[in-house]
Amino acid sequence: MSDRPRQGARAAFRRWRARRPFWGGLLLALAGGEILLTEKASLKVVMHIGMQGLAGYLLPTLMALLGLLILFNPAQRLFYSITGVLVCLGTWMTSNLGGFFIGLLLGITGSCLTFGWLPDQEPRISRRKRRKQARAMAGTPAEGAESTAV
């Protein structure tokens, strides 16, 4: 069996991921899921308690939705990231201290990564590749290559 289709899928996923703030959206969605998991009360109890209890479920659901929107609609990333930070800060009061700080920190980190993402930025080149390119331009032999000086 060939690895060719598998490599094509990986390359397609890398291209898709490079065109959007992937890690920011993923962290924000995971933060919403984590905060939802820390909520143990059933929905009947939440509806009986009132709006404060309902907000404990509404805000993390909105966080997960914003994370998915960042992944699938990156053109509106600035609005989604600012809204994500505000919703994350709202979970401090409504959802067990923001999912016991873990969800709060994940959400704020994801929103900040999304806010700082630039769509037209060139992909980063590793330091090793930059050195190799600089040596090739300068005409010096690469590391480990023997010199053929006579």
Protein backbone atom coordinates (compact mmCIF):
# COMPACT_ATOMS: atom_id res chain seq x y z
CA MET A 1 0.00 0.00 0.00
CA SER A 2 1.32 3.41 -0.94
CA ASP A 3 1.75 6.41 1.37
CA ARG A 4 1.05 8.73 -1.57
CA PRO A 5 -2.63 9.52 -0.70
CA ARG A 6 -1.71 9.92 2.95
CA GLN A 7 1.02 12.45 2.11
CA GLY A 8 -1.37 14.32 -0.17
CA ALA A 9 -3.90 14.62 2.64
CA ARG A 10 -1.22 15.88 5.01
CA ALA A 11 -0.06 18.48 2.51
CA ALA A 12 -3.64 19.58 1.88
CA PHE A 13 -4.24 19.91 5.62
CA ARG A 14 -1.00 21.93 6.02
CA ARG A 15 -2.07 24.30 3.24
CA TRP A 16 -5.54 24.68 4.80
CA ARG A 17 -4.02 25.29 8.24
CA ALA A 18 -1.54 27.86 6.91
CA ARG A 19 -4.34 30.07 5.55
CA ARG A 20 -6.06 30.58 8.91
CA PRO A 21 -5.25 31.18 12.60
CA PHE A 22 -5.46 27.46 13.33
CA TRP A 23 -3.93 27.27 16.79
CA GLY A 24 -5.85 30.27 18.10
CA GLY A 25 -9.20 28.91 16.94
CA LEU A 26 -8.39 25.44 18.24
CA LEU A 27 -7.38 26.72 21.68
CA LEU A 28 -10.53 28.84 21.95
CA ALA A 29 -12.75 25.91 20.97
CA LEU A 30 -10.95 23.60 23.41
CA ALA A 31 -11.33 26.19 26.17
CA GLY A 32 -15.08 26.30 25.61
CA GLY A 33 -15.23 22.52 25.73
CA GLU A 34 -13.15 22.37 28.90
CA ILE A 35 -15.33 24.90 30.68
CA LEU A 36 -18.46 23.02 29.60
CA LEU A 37 -16.98 19.84 31.08
CA THR A 38 -16.41 21.53 34.43
CA GLU A 39 -20.12 22.35 34.63
CA LYS A 40 -21.67 19.37 36.41
CA ALA A 41 -25.23 20.59 37.03
CA SER A 42 -28.04 19.21 34.91
CA LEU A 43 -29.93 21.57 32.63
CA LYS A 44 -33.09 21.30 34.79
CA VAL A 45 -31.19 22.67 37.78
CA VAL A 46 -29.70 25.47 35.67
CA MET A 47 -33.12 26.50 34.34
CA HIS A 48 -34.48 26.51 37.89
CA ILE A 49 -31.64 28.68 39.20
CA GLY A 50 -32.18 31.26 36.49
CA MET A 51 -30.13 33.43 34.20
CA GLN A 52 -26.90 33.15 36.20
CA GLY A 53 -26.94 29.36 35.83
CA LEU A 54 -27.83 29.54 32.15
CA ALA A 55 -24.91 31.89 31.50
CA GLY A 56 -22.61 29.18 32.85
CA TYR A 57 -23.56 27.08 29.83
CA LEU A 58 -24.12 29.86 27.32
CA LEU A 59 -20.68 31.51 27.53
CA PRO A 60 -18.57 28.35 27.05
CA THR A 61 -20.84 27.28 24.19
CA LEU A 62 -20.26 30.69 22.61
CA MET A 63 -16.50 30.25 23.12
CA ALA A 64 -16.53 26.91 21.30
CA LEU A 65 -18.63 28.43 18.51
CA LEU A 66 -16.24 31.39 18.16
CA GLY A 67 -13.30 28.98 17.97
CA LEU A 68 -14.97 27.10 15.13
CA LEU A 69 -15.87 30.34 13.37
CA ILE A 70 -12.23 31.42 13.55
CA LEU A 71 -11.22 28.15 11.90
CA PHE A 72 -13.80 28.22 9.14
CA ASN A 73 -14.24 31.97 8.56
CA PRO A 74 -10.83 33.59 9.19
CA ALA A 75 -11.79 36.82 7.39
CA GLN A 76 -13.65 37.98 10.52
CA ARG A 77 -10.93 36.89 12.94
CA LEU A 78 -10.52 40.28 14.64
CA PHE A 79 -14.17 40.48 15.67
CA TYR A 80 -14.19 36.85 16.79
CA SER A 81 -10.99 37.21 18.80
CA ILE A 82 -12.12 40.35 20.63
CA THR A 83 -15.48 38.75 21.37
CA GLY A 84 -13.64 35.60 22.49
CA VAL A 85 -11.55 37.51 25.03
CA LEU A 86 -14.63 39.23 26.45
CA VAL A 87 -16.55 35.96 26.70
CA CYS A 88 -13.54 34.26 28.31
CA LEU A 89 -13.38 36.98 30.93
CA GLY A 90 -17.12 36.55 31.51
CA THR A 91 -16.60 32.89 32.37
CA TRP A 92 -14.58 33.99 35.38
CA MET A 93 -17.85 34.89 37.13
CA THR A 94 -20.25 32.38 35.59
CA SER A 95 -18.41 29.09 35.11
CA ASN A 96 -16.37 27.88 38.09
CA LEU A 97 -13.71 30.57 37.80
CA GLY A 98 -13.38 30.03 34.07
CA GLY A 99 -13.10 26.25 34.25
CA PHE A 100 -10.72 26.43 37.20
CA PHE A 101 -8.42 28.85 35.33
CA ILE A 102 -7.49 26.29 32.64
CA GLY A 103 -10.29 27.16 30.22
CA LEU A 104 -9.91 30.86 30.95
CA LEU A 105 -6.18 30.84 30.13
CA LEU A 106 -6.63 28.61 27.06
CA GLY A 107 -9.36 30.89 25.72
CA ILE A 108 -7.47 34.12 26.27
CA THR A 109 -4.31 32.63 24.74
CA GLY A 110 -6.25 31.39 21.70
CA SER A 111 -7.97 34.74 21.24
CA CYS A 112 -4.66 36.61 21.46
CA LEU A 113 -3.03 34.24 18.95
CA THR A 114 -5.94 34.84 16.60
CA PHE A 115 -5.78 38.61 17.01
CA GLY A 116 -2.06 38.64 16.23
CA TRP A 117 -2.25 36.34 13.20
CA LEU A 118 -1.41 37.98 9.85
CA PRO A 119 -2.84 36.30 6.74
CA ASP A 120 -0.31 37.68 4.25
CA GLN A 121 2.78 36.81 6.26
CA GLU A 122 5.35 34.53 4.62
CA PRO A 123 5.80 31.12 6.27
CA ARG A 124 8.70 30.99 8.69
CA ILE A 125 11.90 29.38 7.53
CA SER A 126 13.95 27.49 10.07
CA ARG A 127 17.33 28.83 11.09
CA ARG A 128 19.05 25.79 9.57
CA LYS A 129 17.45 26.41 6.16
CA ARG A 130 18.34 30.12 6.28
CA ARG A 131 22.00 29.27 6.99
CA LYS A 132 22.01 26.74 4.18
CA GLN A 133 20.55 29.32 1.77
CA ALA A 134 23.07 31.94 2.90
CA ARG A 135 25.96 29.51 2.31
CA ALA A 136 24.62 28.64 -1.11
CA MET A 137 24.40 32.32 -2.03
CA ALA A 138 27.91 33.01 -0.72
CA GLY A 139 29.35 30.02 -2.54
CA THR A 140 30.88 28.39 0.53
CA PRO A 141 30.62 24.63 0.99
CA ALA A 142 27.87 23.34 3.25
CA GLU A 143 28.50 21.74 6.64
CA GLY A 144 30.04 18.30 6.41
CA ALA A 145 31.02 18.78 2.76
CA GLU A 146 34.70 18.34 2.05
CA SER A 147 36.61 21.09 0.37
CA THR A 148 38.14 20.19 -2.99
CA ALA A 149 40.90 22.79 -2.84
CA VAL A 150 44.01 21.79 -4.80
